[in-house]
Amino acid sequence: MSTPGRVEISVLGQTLTVRTDASPDYLRQLAAYLEERVSALTRSGMKDPLAAMTLAALDITDELFRAGYDQHRQDGDVNQRIGALVEMLDRIAPGSTQPRRP
């Protein structure tokens, strides 16, 4: 297991030092993404940077939760389809889905 490194990032003019196993480039990409989301809110008229950061964080968290929900739903759909295929195979050729013994 590698020792976490320290990476400096800047968000809203504040420099933060983060201990992480992630690559510095990746962490900087995350910070740039957050900064862009906050900038989009401030360009739309939001004056308070902390409020913009909070709204951006909530929006990104919403995206994360929705992506997780969508993945969970897709996994369930795949499992349902596999189950339906197994049932169809059992009707067409009973016993064909059972593992064969040597």
PDB file of N, CA and C in Angstrom:
ATOM      1  N   MET A   1       0.854  -1.183   0.000  1.00  0.00           N
ATOM      2  CA  MET A   1       0.000   0.000   0.000  1.00  0.00           C
ATOM      3  C   MET A   1       0.892   1.235   0.000  1.00  0.00           C
ATOM      4  N   SER A   2       0.569   2.192  -0.870  1.00  0.00           N
ATOM      5  CA  SER A   2       1.404   3.386  -0.959  1.00  0.00           C
ATOM      6  C   SER A   2       1.022   4.403   0.109  1.00  0.00           C
ATOM      7  N   THR A   3       1.992   5.222   0.446  1.00  0.00           N
ATOM      8  CA  THR A   3       1.771   6.275   1.425  1.00  0.00           C
ATOM      9  C   THR A   3       1.091   7.440   0.720  1.00  0.00           C
ATOM     10  N   PRO A   4       0.033   7.993   1.320  1.00  0.00           N
ATOM     11  CA  PRO A   4      -0.626   9.125   0.683  1.00  0.00           C
ATOM     12  C   PRO A   4       0.339  10.293   0.492  1.00  0.00           C
ATOM     13  N   GLY A   5       0.228  10.932  -0.660  1.00  0.00           N
ATOM     14  CA  GLY A   5       1.031  12.111  -0.929  1.00  0.00           C
ATOM     15  C   GLY A   5       0.248  13.368  -0.605  1.00  0.00           C
ATOM     16  N   ARG A   6       0.927  14.475  -0.636  1.00  0.00           N
ATOM     17  CA  ARG A   6       0.272  15.765  -0.395  1.00  0.00           C
ATOM     18  C   ARG A   6       0.181  16.509  -1.720  1.00  0.00           C
ATOM     19  N   VAL A   7      -1.005  17.025  -1.974  1.00  0.00           N
ATOM     20  CA  VAL A   7      -1.252  17.765  -3.201  1.00  0.00           C
ATOM     21  C   VAL A   7      -1.881  19.094  -2.831  1.00  0.00           C
ATOM     22  N   GLU A   8      -1.350  20.162  -3.382  1.00  0.00           N
ATOM     23  CA  GLU A   8      -1.947  21.488  -3.173  1.00  0.00           C
ATOM     24  C   GLU A   8      -2.901  21.777  -4.311  1.00  0.00           C
ATOM     25  N   ILE A   9      -4.097  22.218  -3.930  1.00  0.00           N
ATOM     26  CA  ILE A   9      -5.089  22.634  -4.913  1.00  0.00           C
ATOM     27  C   ILE A   9      -5.592  24.012  -4.513  1.00  0.00           C
ATOM     28  N   SER A  10      -6.188  24.684  -5.467  1.00  0.00           N
ATOM     29  CA  SER A  10      -6.749  26.002  -5.199  1.00  0.00           C
ATOM     30  C   SER A  10      -8.204  26.019  -5.636  1.00  0.00           C
ATOM     31  N   VAL A  11      -9.065  26.433  -4.714  1.00  0.00           N
ATOM     32  CA  VAL A  11     -10.487  26.557  -5.004  1.00  0.00           C
ATOM     33  C   VAL A  11     -10.949  27.895  -4.454  1.00  0.00           C
ATOM     34  N   LEU A  12     -11.522  28.709  -5.319  1.00  0.00           N
ATOM     35  CA  LEU A  12     -12.004  30.042  -4.940  1.00  0.00           C
ATOM     36  C   LEU A  12     -10.910  30.874  -4.286  1.00  0.00           C
ATOM     37  N   GLY A  13      -9.705  30.744  -4.797  1.00  0.00           N
ATOM     38  CA  GLY A  13      -8.596  31.532  -4.285  1.00  0.00           C
ATOM     39  C   GLY A  13      -8.010  31.027  -2.986  1.00  0.00           C
ATOM     40  N   GLN A  14      -8.525  29.935  -2.479  1.00  0.00           N
ATOM     41  CA  GLN A  14      -8.012  29.365  -1.233  1.00  0.00           C
ATOM     42  C   GLN A  14      -7.188  28.126  -1.577  1.00  0.00           C
ATOM     43  N   THR A  15      -5.954  28.103  -1.072  1.00  0.00           N
ATOM     44  CA  THR A  15      -5.083  26.966  -1.309  1.00  0.00           C
ATOM     45  C   THR A  15      -5.285  25.936  -0.216  1.00  0.00           C
ATOM     46  N   LEU A  16      -5.485  24.707  -0.644  1.00  0.00           N
ATOM     47  CA  LEU A  16      -5.705  23.601   0.283  1.00  0.00           C
ATOM     48  C   LEU A  16      -4.651  22.532   0.021  1.00  0.00           C
ATOM     49  N   THR A  17      -4.164  21.913   1.070  1.00  0.00           N
ATOM     50  CA  THR A  17      -3.266  20.778   0.940  1.00  0.00           C
ATOM     51  C   THR A  17      -4.049  19.531   1.292  1.00  0.00           C
ATOM     52  N   VAL A  18      -4.052  18.589   0.360  1.00  0.00           N
ATOM     53  CA  VAL A  18      -4.844  17.376   0.522  1.00  0.00           C
ATOM     54  C   VAL A  18      -3.906  16.176   0.551  1.00  0.00           C
ATOM     55  N   ARG A  19      -4.115  15.300   1.520  1.00  0.00           N
ATOM     56  CA  ARG A  19      -3.383  14.024   1.551  1.00  0.00           C
ATOM     57  C   ARG A  19      -4.222  13.010   0.805  1.00  0.00           C
ATOM     58  N   THR A  20      -3.610  12.363  -0.196  1.00  0.00           N
ATOM     59  CA  THR A  20      -4.380  11.457  -1.031  1.00  0.00           C
ATOM     60  C   THR A  20      -3.486  10.438  -1.716  1.00  0.00           C
ATOM     61  N   ASP A  21      -4.076   9.313  -2.078  1.00  0.00           N
ATOM     62  CA  ASP A  21      -3.402   8.319  -2.901  1.00  0.00           C
ATOM     63  C   ASP A  21      -3.599   8.629  -4.380  1.00  0.00           C
ATOM     64  N   ALA A  22      -4.541   9.522  -4.680  1.00  0.00           N
ATOM     65  CA  ALA A  22      -4.834   9.875  -6.072  1.00  0.00           C
ATOM     66  C   ALA A  22      -3.685  10.684  -6.665  1.00  0.00           C
ATOM     67  N   SER A  23      -3.629  10.665  -7.982  1.00  0.00           N
ATOM     68  CA  SER A  23      -2.567  11.422  -8.643  1.00  0.00           C
ATOM     69  C   SER A  23      -2.844  12.926  -8.499  1.00  0.00           C
ATOM     70  N   PRO A  24      -1.792  13.716  -8.450  1.00  0.00           N
ATOM     71  CA  PRO A  24      -1.979  15.168  -8.357  1.00  0.00           C
ATOM     72  C   PRO A  24      -2.802  15.721  -9.523  1.00  0.00           C
ATOM     73  N   ASP A  25      -2.569  15.207 -10.727  1.00  0.00           N
ATOM     74  CA  ASP A  25      -3.337  15.689 -11.890  1.00  0.00           C
ATOM     75  C   ASP A  25      -4.825  15.416 -11.720  1.00  0.00           C
ATOM     76  N   TYR A  26      -5.152  14.240 -11.229  1.00  0.00           N
ATOM     77  CA  TYR A  26      -6.560  13.894 -11.026  1.00  0.00           C
ATOM     78  C   TYR A  26      -7.197  14.828 -10.003  1.00  0.00           C
ATOM     79  N   LEU A  27      -6.514  15.051  -8.906  1.00  0.00           N
ATOM     80  CA  LEU A  27      -7.056  15.922  -7.866  1.00  0.00           C
ATOM     81  C   LEU A  27      -7.226  17.347  -8.389  1.00  0.00           C
ATOM     82  N   ARG A  28      -6.283  17.794  -9.182  1.00  0.00           N
ATOM     83  CA  ARG A  28      -6.399  19.136  -9.771  1.00  0.00           C
ATOM     84  C   ARG A  28      -7.563  19.207 -10.758  1.00  0.00           C
ATOM     85  N   GLN A  29      -7.828  18.116 -11.468  1.00  0.00           N
ATOM     86  CA  GLN A  29      -8.994  18.081 -12.357  1.00  0.00           C
ATOM     87  C   GLN A  29     -10.283  18.210 -11.550  1.00  0.00           C
ATOM     88  N   LEU A  30     -10.343  17.528 -10.413  1.00  0.00           N
ATOM     89  CA  LEU A  30     -11.522  17.637  -9.555  1.00  0.00           C
ATOM     90  C   LEU A  30     -11.720  19.069  -9.078  1.00  0.00           C
ATOM     91  N   ALA A  31     -10.627  19.692  -8.637  1.00  0.00           N
ATOM     92  CA  ALA A  31     -10.707  21.078  -8.158  1.00  0.00           C
ATOM     93  C   ALA A  31     -11.138  22.011  -9.285  1.00  0.00           C
ATOM     94  N   ALA A  32     -10.602  21.795 -10.487  1.00  0.00           N
ATOM     95  CA  ALA A  32     -10.973  22.639 -11.632  1.00  0.00           C
ATOM     96  C   ALA A  32     -12.451  22.459 -11.972  1.00  0.00           C
ATOM     97  N   TYR A  33     -12.937  21.235 -11.879  1.00  0.00           N
ATOM     98  CA  TYR A  33     -14.350  20.970 -12.152  1.00  0.00           C
ATOM     99  C   TYR A  33     -15.235  21.707 -11.157  1.00  0.00           C
ATOM    100  N   LEU A  34     -14.876  21.613  -9.879  1.00  0.00           N
ATOM    101  CA  LEU A  34     -15.637  22.312  -8.849  1.00  0.00           C
ATOM    102  C   LEU A  34     -15.587  23.813  -9.067  1.00  0.00           C
ATOM    103  N   GLU A  35     -14.406  24.314  -9.368  1.00  0.00           N
ATOM    104  CA  GLU A  35     -14.239  25.755  -9.609  1.00  0.00           C
ATOM    105  C   GLU A  35     -15.123  26.214 -10.783  1.00  0.00           C
ATOM    106  N   GLU A  36     -15.185  25.409 -11.841  1.00  0.00           N
ATOM    107  CA  GLU A  36     -16.016  25.767 -12.996  1.00  0.00           C
ATOM    108  C   GLU A  36     -17.496  25.770 -12.629  1.00  0.00           C
ATOM    109  N   ARG A  37     -17.911  24.799 -11.835  1.00  0.00           N
ATOM    110  CA  ARG A  37     -19.318  24.761 -11.427  1.00  0.00           C
ATOM    111  C   ARG A  37     -19.669  25.980 -10.580  1.00  0.00           C
ATOM    112  N   VAL A  38     -18.786  26.366  -9.693  1.00  0.00           N
ATOM    113  CA  VAL A  38     -19.006  27.553  -8.862  1.00  0.00           C
ATOM    114  C   VAL A  38     -19.009  28.798  -9.743  1.00  0.00           C
ATOM    115  N   SER A  39     -18.086  28.872 -10.685  1.00  0.00           N
ATOM    116  CA  SER A  39     -18.018  30.027 -11.587  1.00  0.00           C
ATOM    117  C   SER A  39     -19.295  30.175 -12.401  1.00  0.00           C
ATOM    118  N   ALA A  40     -19.859  29.060 -12.837  1.00  0.00           N
ATOM    119  CA  ALA A  40     -21.120  29.120 -13.592  1.00  0.00           C
ATOM    120  C   ALA A  40     -22.223  29.737 -12.744  1.00  0.00           C
ATOM    121  N   LEU A  41     -22.256  29.408 -11.469  1.00  0.00           N
ATOM    122  CA  LEU A  41     -23.265  29.987 -10.579  1.00  0.00           C
ATOM    123  C   LEU A  41     -23.021  31.480 -10.361  1.00  0.00           C
ATOM    124  N   THR A  42     -21.766  31.867 -10.178  1.00  0.00           N
ATOM    125  CA  THR A  42     -21.481  33.291  -9.954  1.00  0.00           C
ATOM    126  C   THR A  42     -21.742  34.106 -11.223  1.00  0.00           C
ATOM    127  N   ARG A  43     -21.491  33.499 -12.389  1.00  0.00           N
ATOM    128  CA  ARG A  43     -21.800  34.199 -13.650  1.00  0.00           C
ATOM    129  C   ARG A  43     -23.300  34.387 -13.825  1.00  0.00           C
ATOM    130  N   SER A  44     -24.086  33.503 -13.224  1.00  0.00           N
ATOM    131  CA  SER A  44     -25.537  33.622 -13.349  1.00  0.00           C
ATOM    132  C   SER A  44     -26.121  34.608 -12.343  1.00  0.00           C
ATOM    133  N   GLY A  45     -25.247  35.239 -11.531  1.00  0.00           N
ATOM    134  CA  GLY A  45     -25.724  36.292 -10.649  1.00  0.00           C
ATOM    135  C   GLY A  45     -25.566  36.029  -9.169  1.00  0.00           C
ATOM    136  N   MET A  46     -25.135  34.854  -8.795  1.00  0.00           N
ATOM    137  CA  MET A  46     -24.960  34.567  -7.372  1.00  0.00           C
ATOM    138  C   MET A  46     -23.743  35.338  -6.866  1.00  0.00           C
ATOM    139  N   LYS A  47     -23.917  36.103  -5.809  1.00  0.00           N
ATOM    140  CA  LYS A  47     -22.850  36.971  -5.298  1.00  0.00           C
ATOM    141  C   LYS A  47     -21.995  36.318  -4.213  1.00  0.00           C
ATOM    142  N   ASP A  48     -22.605  35.505  -3.365  1.00  0.00           N
ATOM    143  CA  ASP A  48     -21.910  34.922  -2.214  1.00  0.00           C
ATOM    144  C   ASP A  48     -21.141  33.662  -2.647  1.00  0.00           C
ATOM    145  N   PRO A  49     -19.797  33.698  -2.583  1.00  0.00           N
ATOM    146  CA  PRO A  49     -19.015  32.532  -3.021  1.00  0.00           C
ATOM    147  C   PRO A  49     -19.277  31.270  -2.195  1.00  0.00           C
ATOM    148  N   LEU A  50     -19.522  31.434  -0.896  1.00  0.00           N
ATOM    149  CA  LEU A  50     -19.809  30.273  -0.065  1.00  0.00           C
ATOM    150  C   LEU A  50     -21.135  29.637  -0.463  1.00  0.00           C
ATOM    151  N   ALA A  51     -22.136  30.465  -0.746  1.00  0.00           N
ATOM    152  CA  ALA A  51     -23.426  29.938  -1.198  1.00  0.00           C
ATOM    153  C   ALA A  51     -23.269  29.241  -2.548  1.00  0.00           C
ATOM    154  N   ALA A  52     -22.463  29.825  -3.435  1.00  0.00           N
ATOM    155  CA  ALA A  52     -22.221  29.204  -4.739  1.00  0.00           C
ATOM    156  C   ALA A  52     -21.522  27.862  -4.574  1.00  0.00           C
ATOM    157  N   MET A  53     -20.538  27.805  -3.674  1.00  0.00           N
ATOM    158  CA  MET A  53     -19.827  26.546  -3.406  1.00  0.00           C
ATOM    159  C   MET A  53     -20.787  25.504  -2.851  1.00  0.00           C
ATOM    160  N   THR A  54     -21.652  25.923  -1.946  1.00  0.00           N
ATOM    161  CA  THR A  54     -22.607  24.996  -1.344  1.00  0.00           C
ATOM    162  C   THR A  54     -23.583  24.465  -2.385  1.00  0.00           C
ATOM    163  N   LEU A  55     -24.114  25.345  -3.213  1.00  0.00           N
ATOM    164  CA  LEU A  55     -25.042  24.903  -4.260  1.00  0.00           C
ATOM    165  C   LEU A  55     -24.351  23.995  -5.265  1.00  0.00           C
ATOM    166  N   ALA A  56     -23.109  24.328  -5.637  1.00  0.00           N
ATOM    167  CA  ALA A  56     -22.362  23.474  -6.558  1.00  0.00           C
ATOM    168  C   ALA A  56     -22.141  22.092  -5.938  1.00  0.00           C
ATOM    169  N   ALA A  57     -21.790  22.054  -4.664  1.00  0.00           N
ATOM    170  CA  ALA A  57     -21.582  20.780  -3.974  1.00  0.00           C
ATOM    171  C   ALA A  57     -22.879  19.968  -3.921  1.00  0.00           C
ATOM    172  N   LEU A  58     -23.993  20.629  -3.654  1.00  0.00           N
ATOM    173  CA  LEU A  58     -25.278  19.926  -3.639  1.00  0.00           C
ATOM    174  C   LEU A  58     -25.634  19.387  -5.012  1.00  0.00           C
ATOM    175  N   ASP A  59     -25.376  20.173  -6.052  1.00  0.00           N
ATOM    176  CA  ASP A  59     -25.675  19.743  -7.416  1.00  0.00           C
ATOM    177  C   ASP A  59     -24.811  18.548  -7.808  1.00  0.00           C
ATOM    178  N   ILE A  60     -23.531  18.603  -7.473  1.00  0.00           N
ATOM    179  CA  ILE A  60     -22.627  17.494  -7.789  1.00  0.00           C
ATOM    180  C   ILE A  60     -23.022  16.249  -6.992  1.00  0.00           C
ATOM    181  N   THR A  61     -23.409  16.426  -5.736  1.00  0.00           N
ATOM    182  CA  THR A  61     -23.859  15.305  -4.920  1.00  0.00           C
ATOM    183  C   THR A  61     -25.123  14.690  -5.498  1.00  0.00           C
ATOM    184  N   ASP A  62     -26.028  15.528  -5.978  1.00  0.00           N
ATOM    185  CA  ASP A  62     -27.245  15.038  -6.630  1.00  0.00           C
ATOM    186  C   ASP A  62     -26.881  14.191  -7.848  1.00  0.00           C
ATOM    187  N   GLU A  63     -25.945  14.669  -8.655  1.00  0.00           N
ATOM    188  CA  GLU A  63     -25.508  13.898  -9.829  1.00  0.00           C
ATOM    189  C   GLU A  63     -24.938  12.547  -9.410  1.00  0.00           C
ATOM    190  N   LEU A  64     -24.132  12.537  -8.360  1.00  0.00           N
ATOM    191  CA  LEU A  64     -23.540  11.301  -7.864  1.00  0.00           C
ATOM    192  C   LEU A  64     -24.619  10.323  -7.411  1.00  0.00           C
ATOM    193  N   PHE A  65     -25.579  10.804  -6.635  1.00  0.00           N
ATOM    194  CA  PHE A  65     -26.651   9.938  -6.142  1.00  0.00           C
ATOM    195  C   PHE A  65     -27.494   9.406  -7.300  1.00  0.00           C
ATOM    196  N   ARG A  66     -27.806  10.271  -8.264  1.00  0.00           N
ATOM    197  CA  ARG A  66     -28.602   9.825  -9.411  1.00  0.00           C
ATOM    198  C   ARG A  66     -27.842   8.787 -10.239  1.00  0.00           C
ATOM    199  N   ALA A  67     -26.560   8.989 -10.405  1.00  0.00           N
ATOM    200  CA  ALA A  67     -25.746   8.019 -11.159  1.00  0.00           C
ATOM    201  C   ALA A  67     -25.733   6.676 -10.430  1.00  0.00           C
ATOM    202  N   GLY A  68     -25.601   6.712  -9.109  1.00  0.00           N
ATOM    203  CA  GLY A  68     -25.639   5.479  -8.323  1.00  0.00           C
ATOM    204  C   GLY A  68     -26.987   4.787  -8.424  1.00  0.00           C
ATOM    205  N   TYR A  69     -28.051   5.581  -8.367  1.00  0.00           N
ATOM    206  CA  TYR A  69     -29.400   5.023  -8.494  1.00  0.00           C
ATOM    207  C   TYR A  69     -29.580   4.402  -9.872  1.00  0.00           C
ATOM    208  N   ASP A  70     -29.150   5.124 -10.919  1.00  0.00           N
ATOM    209  CA  ASP A  70     -29.277   4.609 -12.287  1.00  0.00           C
ATOM    210  C   ASP A  70     -28.494   3.310 -12.454  1.00  0.00           C
ATOM    211  N   GLN A  71     -27.293   3.253 -11.888  1.00  0.00           N
ATOM    212  CA  GLN A  71     -26.476   2.042 -11.977  1.00  0.00           C
ATOM    213  C   GLN A  71     -27.163   0.885 -11.253  1.00  0.00           C
ATOM    214  N   HIS A  72     -27.698   1.173 -10.079  1.00  0.00           N
ATOM    215  CA  HIS A  72     -28.403   0.132  -9.311  1.00  0.00           C
ATOM    216  C   HIS A  72     -29.610  -0.374 -10.099  1.00  0.00           C
ATOM    217  N   ARG A  73     -30.349   0.548 -10.704  1.00  0.00           N
ATOM    218  CA  ARG A  73     -31.524   0.168 -11.494  1.00  0.00           C
ATOM    219  C   ARG A  73     -31.113  -0.665 -12.702  1.00  0.00           C
ATOM    220  N   GLN A  74     -30.030  -0.257 -13.376  1.00  0.00           N
ATOM    221  CA  GLN A  74     -29.553  -1.018 -14.536  1.00  0.00           C
ATOM    222  C   GLN A  74     -29.095  -2.409 -14.119  1.00  0.00           C
ATOM    223  N   ASP A  75     -28.404  -2.505 -12.984  1.00  0.00           N
ATOM    224  CA  ASP A  75     -27.981  -3.814 -12.490  1.00  0.00           C
ATOM    225  C   ASP A  75     -29.194  -4.701 -12.241  1.00  0.00           C
ATOM    226  N   GLY A  76     -30.237  -4.117 -11.657  1.00  0.00           N
ATOM    227  CA  GLY A  76     -31.470  -4.871 -11.414  1.00  0.00           C
ATOM    228  C   GLY A  76     -32.117  -5.304 -12.712  1.00  0.00           C
ATOM    229  N   ASP A  77     -32.122  -4.419 -13.722  1.00  0.00           N
ATOM    230  CA  ASP A  77     -32.688  -4.755 -15.025  1.00  0.00           C
ATOM    231  C   ASP A  77     -31.934  -5.918 -15.657  1.00  0.00           C
ATOM    232  N   VAL A  78     -30.619  -5.886 -15.564  1.00  0.00           N
ATOM    233  CA  VAL A  78     -29.808  -6.967 -16.137  1.00  0.00           C
ATOM    234  C   VAL A  78     -30.118  -8.274 -15.426  1.00  0.00           C
ATOM    235  N   ASN A  79     -30.194  -8.234 -14.101  1.00  0.00           N
ATOM    236  CA  ASN A  79     -30.501  -9.448 -13.345  1.00  0.00           C
ATOM    237  C   ASN A  79     -31.886  -9.985 -13.691  1.00  0.00           C
ATOM    238  N   GLN A  80     -32.864  -9.101 -13.881  1.00  0.00           N
ATOM    239  CA  GLN A  80     -34.207  -9.525 -14.265  1.00  0.00           C
ATOM    240  C   GLN A  80     -34.185 -10.173 -15.636  1.00  0.00           C
ATOM    241  N   ARG A  81     -33.464  -9.572 -16.572  1.00  0.00           N
ATOM    242  CA  ARG A  81     -33.401 -10.121 -17.930  1.00  0.00           C
ATOM    243  C   ARG A  81     -32.710 -11.482 -17.941  1.00  0.00           C
ATOM    244  N   ILE A  82     -31.658 -11.615 -17.177  1.00  0.00           N
ATOM    245  CA  ILE A  82     -30.969 -12.908 -17.102  1.00  0.00           C
ATOM    246  C   ILE A  82     -31.910 -13.956 -16.511  1.00  0.00           C
ATOM    247  N   GLY A  83     -32.625 -13.576 -15.463  1.00  0.00           N
ATOM    248  CA  GLY A  83     -33.589 -14.499 -14.860  1.00  0.00           C
ATOM    249  C   GLY A  83     -34.664 -14.912 -15.852  1.00  0.00           C
ATOM    250  N   ALA A  84     -35.165 -13.953 -16.622  1.00  0.00           N
ATOM    251  CA  ALA A  84     -36.195 -14.261 -17.627  1.00  0.00           C
ATOM    252  C   ALA A  84     -35.642 -15.184 -18.700  1.00  0.00           C
ATOM    253  N   LEU A  85     -34.398 -14.965 -19.117  1.00  0.00           N
ATOM    254  CA  LEU A  85     -33.784 -15.842 -20.121  1.00  0.00           C
ATOM    255  C   LEU A  85     -33.616 -17.264 -19.587  1.00  0.00           C
ATOM    256  N   VAL A  86     -33.201 -17.385 -18.336  1.00  0.00           N
ATOM    257  CA  VAL A  86     -33.045 -18.703 -17.729  1.00  0.00           C
ATOM    258  C   VAL A  86     -34.397 -19.417 -17.682  1.00  0.00           C
ATOM    259  N   GLU A  87     -35.448 -18.694 -17.315  1.00  0.00           N
ATOM    260  CA  GLU A  87     -36.788 -19.292 -17.291  1.00  0.00           C
ATOM    261  C   GLU A  87     -37.210 -19.752 -18.676  1.00  0.00           C
ATOM    262  N   MET A  88     -36.946 -18.932 -19.692  1.00  0.00           N
ATOM    263  CA  MET A  88     -37.293 -19.308 -21.066  1.00  0.00           C
ATOM    264  C   MET A  88     -36.545 -20.565 -21.491  1.00  0.00           C
ATOM    265  N   LEU A  89     -35.254 -20.604 -21.169  1.00  0.00           N
ATOM    266  CA  LEU A  89     -34.466 -21.786 -21.518  1.00  0.00           C
ATOM    267  C   LEU A  89     -34.986 -23.025 -20.803  1.00  0.00           C
ATOM    268  N   ASP A  90     -35.391 -22.871 -19.553  1.00  0.00           N
ATOM    269  CA  ASP A  90     -35.942 -24.005 -18.806  1.00  0.00           C
ATOM    270  C   ASP A  90     -37.246 -24.499 -19.431  1.00  0.00           C
ATOM    271  N   ARG A  91     -38.047 -23.589 -19.954  1.00  0.00           N
ATOM    272  CA  ARG A  91     -39.302 -24.003 -20.600  1.00  0.00           C
ATOM    273  C   ARG A  91     -39.024 -24.701 -21.919  1.00  0.00           C
ATOM    274  N   ILE A  92     -38.052 -24.169 -22.668  1.00  0.00           N
ATOM    275  CA  ILE A  92     -37.728 -24.744 -23.978  1.00  0.00           C
ATOM    276  C   ILE A  92     -37.017 -26.084 -23.834  1.00  0.00           C
ATOM    277  N   ALA A  93     -36.049 -26.128 -22.970  1.00  0.00           N
ATOM    278  CA  ALA A  93     -35.254 -27.343 -22.769  1.00  0.00           C
ATOM    279  C   ALA A  93     -35.057 -27.560 -21.271  1.00  0.00           C
ATOM    280  N   PRO A  94     -36.030 -28.181 -20.620  1.00  0.00           N
ATOM    281  CA  PRO A  94     -35.927 -28.381 -19.169  1.00  0.00           C
ATOM    282  C   PRO A  94     -34.610 -29.046 -18.783  1.00  0.00           C
ATOM    283  N   GLY A  95     -34.015 -28.535 -17.754  1.00  0.00           N
ATOM    284  CA  GLY A  95     -32.755 -29.088 -17.266  1.00  0.00           C
ATOM    285  C   GLY A  95     -31.525 -28.582 -17.998  1.00  0.00           C
ATOM    286  N   SER A  96     -31.706 -27.801 -19.042  1.00  0.00           N
ATOM    287  CA  SER A  96     -30.537 -27.340 -19.814  1.00  0.00           C
ATOM    288  C   SER A  96     -29.743 -26.272 -19.083  1.00  0.00           C
ATOM    289  N   THR A  97     -30.342 -25.610 -18.114  1.00  0.00           N
ATOM    290  CA  THR A  97     -29.619 -24.565 -17.393  1.00  0.00           C
ATOM    291  C   THR A  97     -28.927 -25.110 -16.157  1.00  0.00           C
ATOM    292  N   GLN A  98     -29.104 -26.409 -15.882  1.00  0.00           N
ATOM    293  CA  GLN A  98     -28.426 -27.020 -14.748  1.00  0.00           C
ATOM    294  C   GLN A  98     -26.991 -27.342 -15.148  1.00  0.00           C
ATOM    295  N   PRO A  99     -26.050 -27.156 -14.239  1.00  0.00           N
ATOM    296  CA  PRO A  99     -24.654 -27.489 -14.561  1.00  0.00           C
ATOM    297  C   PRO A  99     -24.532 -28.979 -14.864  1.00  0.00           C
ATOM    298  N   ARG A 100     -23.738 -29.291 -15.868  1.00  0.00           N
ATOM    299  CA  ARG A 100     -23.533 -30.693 -16.245  1.00  0.00           C
ATOM    300  C   ARG A 100     -22.457 -31.298 -15.383  1.00  0.00           C
ATOM    301  N   ARG A 101     -22.669 -32.540 -15.014  1.00  0.00           N
ATOM    302  CA  ARG A 101     -21.677 -33.255 -14.216  1.00  0.00           C
ATOM    303  C   ARG A 101     -20.874 -34.158 -15.143  1.00  0.00           C
ATOM    304  N   PRO A 102     -19.594 -34.271 -14.893  1.00  0.00           N
ATOM    305  CA  PRO A 102     -18.760 -35.126 -15.753  1.00  0.00           C
ATOM    306  C   PRO A 102     -19.052 -36.593 -15.579  1.00  0.00           C
TER     307      PRO A 102
END
